[in-house]
N, C-alpha and C. Protein backbone atom coordinates (compact mmCIF):
# COMPACT_ATOMS: atom_id res chain seq x y z
N MET A 1 0.84 -1.18 0.00
CA MET A 1 0.00 0.00 0.00
C MET A 1 0.88 1.24 0.00
N SER A 2 0.40 2.30 -0.56
CA SER A 2 1.14 3.54 -0.63
C SER A 2 0.42 4.63 0.14
N ASP A 3 1.19 5.65 0.56
CA ASP A 3 0.56 6.78 1.22
C ASP A 3 0.01 7.75 0.18
N LYS A 4 -0.51 8.89 0.63
CA LYS A 4 -1.16 9.83 -0.29
C LYS A 4 -0.21 10.41 -1.32
N ASN A 5 1.10 10.36 -1.07
CA ASN A 5 2.08 10.87 -2.02
C ASN A 5 2.67 9.77 -2.90
N GLY A 6 2.14 8.56 -2.78
CA GLY A 6 2.62 7.45 -3.60
C GLY A 6 3.83 6.75 -3.02
N ASN A 7 4.22 7.10 -1.79
CA ASN A 7 5.35 6.44 -1.15
C ASN A 7 4.90 5.11 -0.59
N SER A 8 5.65 4.06 -0.88
CA SER A 8 5.24 2.75 -0.40
C SER A 8 5.56 2.60 1.08
N ARG A 9 4.88 1.67 1.70
CA ARG A 9 5.03 1.43 3.14
C ARG A 9 6.46 1.05 3.48
N ARG A 10 6.93 1.64 4.55
CA ARG A 10 8.26 1.31 5.04
C ARG A 10 8.14 0.23 6.10
N LYS A 11 9.16 -0.59 6.17
CA LYS A 11 9.17 -1.67 7.15
C LYS A 11 9.05 -1.09 8.56
N GLY A 12 8.18 -1.70 9.37
CA GLY A 12 7.99 -1.27 10.74
C GLY A 12 7.03 -0.11 10.90
N MET A 13 6.40 0.32 9.83
CA MET A 13 5.46 1.44 9.89
C MET A 13 4.03 0.90 9.78
N GLU A 14 3.11 1.62 10.40
CA GLU A 14 1.70 1.24 10.36
C GLU A 14 0.88 2.40 9.84
N LEU A 15 -0.14 2.09 9.07
CA LEU A 15 -1.04 3.11 8.54
C LEU A 15 -2.08 3.43 9.62
N PHE A 16 -2.22 4.71 9.94
CA PHE A 16 -3.09 5.13 11.04
C PHE A 16 -4.04 6.21 10.55
N GLU A 17 -5.29 6.14 11.00
CA GLU A 17 -6.26 7.19 10.67
C GLU A 17 -6.04 8.36 11.61
N ILE A 18 -5.77 9.52 11.07
CA ILE A 18 -5.51 10.71 11.87
C ILE A 18 -6.71 11.03 12.74
N THR A 19 -7.90 11.04 12.15
CA THR A 19 -9.14 11.22 12.90
C THR A 19 -9.96 9.94 12.75
N PRO A 20 -10.16 9.21 13.85
CA PRO A 20 -10.90 7.96 13.77
C PRO A 20 -12.32 8.16 13.23
N VAL A 21 -12.84 7.13 12.62
CA VAL A 21 -14.19 7.16 12.05
C VAL A 21 -15.22 7.49 13.11
N ILE A 22 -15.05 6.98 14.31
CA ILE A 22 -16.04 7.18 15.38
C ILE A 22 -16.21 8.65 15.75
N VAL A 23 -15.22 9.48 15.43
CA VAL A 23 -15.35 10.92 15.71
C VAL A 23 -15.38 11.74 14.42
N GLY A 24 -15.78 11.10 13.34
CA GLY A 24 -16.03 11.83 12.10
C GLY A 24 -14.96 11.73 11.03
N GLY A 25 -13.93 10.94 11.27
CA GLY A 25 -12.88 10.77 10.26
C GLY A 25 -13.38 9.98 9.06
N ASP A 26 -12.86 10.29 7.91
CA ASP A 26 -13.24 9.61 6.67
C ASP A 26 -12.34 8.39 6.47
N PRO A 27 -12.90 7.19 6.51
CA PRO A 27 -12.08 5.99 6.38
C PRO A 27 -11.49 5.79 4.99
N MET A 28 -12.00 6.50 4.00
CA MET A 28 -11.52 6.33 2.63
C MET A 28 -10.54 7.42 2.20
N SER A 29 -10.52 8.53 2.91
CA SER A 29 -9.70 9.67 2.52
C SER A 29 -8.23 9.42 2.82
N LEU A 30 -7.38 9.59 1.82
CA LEU A 30 -5.95 9.45 2.04
C LEU A 30 -5.40 10.60 2.88
N GLU A 31 -6.09 11.73 2.91
CA GLU A 31 -5.67 12.83 3.76
C GLU A 31 -5.87 12.51 5.24
N ASN A 32 -6.66 11.49 5.53
CA ASN A 32 -6.91 11.08 6.90
C ASN A 32 -6.01 9.91 7.31
N LYS A 33 -4.98 9.65 6.56
CA LYS A 33 -4.09 8.52 6.84
C LYS A 33 -2.65 9.01 6.96
N ILE A 34 -1.91 8.36 7.84
CA ILE A 34 -0.51 8.70 8.03
C ILE A 34 0.25 7.43 8.42
N TRP A 35 1.50 7.34 7.98
CA TRP A 35 2.36 6.24 8.38
C TRP A 35 3.03 6.62 9.69
N VAL A 36 2.95 5.73 10.68
CA VAL A 36 3.56 5.97 11.98
C VAL A 36 4.34 4.74 12.42
N THR A 37 5.27 4.96 13.35
CA THR A 37 6.00 3.84 13.92
C THR A 37 5.08 3.10 14.89
N ARG A 38 5.50 1.94 15.32
CA ARG A 38 4.71 1.16 16.28
C ARG A 38 4.52 1.96 17.58
N GLN A 39 5.59 2.61 18.06
CA GLN A 39 5.50 3.39 19.28
C GLN A 39 4.55 4.58 19.11
N GLU A 40 4.64 5.27 17.98
CA GLU A 40 3.71 6.37 17.72
C GLU A 40 2.28 5.87 17.68
N HIS A 41 2.09 4.68 17.09
CA HIS A 41 0.76 4.08 17.04
C HIS A 41 0.21 3.87 18.44
N PHE A 42 1.02 3.32 19.35
CA PHE A 42 0.58 3.12 20.74
C PHE A 42 0.17 4.44 21.37
N GLU A 43 0.98 5.47 21.18
CA GLU A 43 0.69 6.77 21.77
C GLU A 43 -0.59 7.38 21.19
N LEU A 44 -0.77 7.26 19.89
CA LEU A 44 -1.97 7.79 19.25
C LEU A 44 -3.22 7.05 19.70
N VAL A 45 -3.13 5.74 19.83
CA VAL A 45 -4.28 4.95 20.30
C VAL A 45 -4.64 5.37 21.72
N ARG A 46 -3.64 5.53 22.59
CA ARG A 46 -3.91 5.98 23.96
C ARG A 46 -4.60 7.35 23.96
N PHE A 47 -4.09 8.27 23.14
CA PHE A 47 -4.69 9.60 23.04
C PHE A 47 -6.15 9.52 22.63
N TRP A 48 -6.42 8.78 21.55
CA TRP A 48 -7.80 8.71 21.06
C TRP A 48 -8.71 7.95 22.02
N ASN A 49 -8.20 6.94 22.70
CA ASN A 49 -9.02 6.23 23.69
C ASN A 49 -9.43 7.18 24.82
N ARG A 50 -8.49 8.01 25.29
CA ARG A 50 -8.82 8.99 26.33
C ARG A 50 -9.82 10.02 25.80
N THR A 51 -9.57 10.54 24.61
CA THR A 51 -10.44 11.56 24.02
C THR A 51 -11.86 11.04 23.82
N ILE A 52 -11.98 9.86 23.26
CA ILE A 52 -13.31 9.28 23.02
C ILE A 52 -14.00 8.98 24.34
N GLY A 53 -13.25 8.50 25.32
CA GLY A 53 -13.82 8.27 26.65
C GLY A 53 -14.36 9.56 27.25
N ASP A 54 -13.59 10.65 27.13
CA ASP A 54 -14.04 11.95 27.64
C ASP A 54 -15.29 12.42 26.91
N LEU A 55 -15.34 12.23 25.59
CA LEU A 55 -16.52 12.63 24.82
C LEU A 55 -17.75 11.84 25.25
N ARG A 56 -17.58 10.57 25.51
CA ARG A 56 -18.70 9.73 25.96
C ARG A 56 -19.18 10.18 27.33
N LYS A 57 -18.25 10.47 28.24
CA LYS A 57 -18.65 10.94 29.58
C LYS A 57 -19.41 12.25 29.48
N ALA A 58 -18.95 13.15 28.66
CA ALA A 58 -19.61 14.44 28.48
C ALA A 58 -21.03 14.24 27.91
N ALA A 59 -21.16 13.33 26.95
CA ALA A 59 -22.48 13.07 26.34
C ALA A 59 -23.43 12.49 27.38
N ARG A 60 -22.93 11.59 28.24
CA ARG A 60 -23.80 11.01 29.29
C ARG A 60 -24.21 12.07 30.30
N ALA A 61 -23.32 13.00 30.62
CA ALA A 61 -23.62 14.05 31.58
C ALA A 61 -24.70 15.00 31.06
N GLU A 62 -24.80 15.12 29.75
CA GLU A 62 -25.81 15.99 29.15
C GLU A 62 -27.19 15.37 29.10
N GLU A 63 -27.26 14.06 29.28
CA GLU A 63 -28.56 13.36 29.18
C GLU A 63 -29.46 13.67 30.34
């Protein structure tokens, strides 16, 4: 697979959605994809898990 500039995947890199679908990211848009290292992937997943958790708590508080 290639990134939006036609660069092929580098060994040890993972394709990550910049904005997850659950919060409005486009799963088909190449502008919503980035190649990251495994460590960056872990950090991004932690960030989005916290963010989505906070959004869910806020939504429940409004009910």
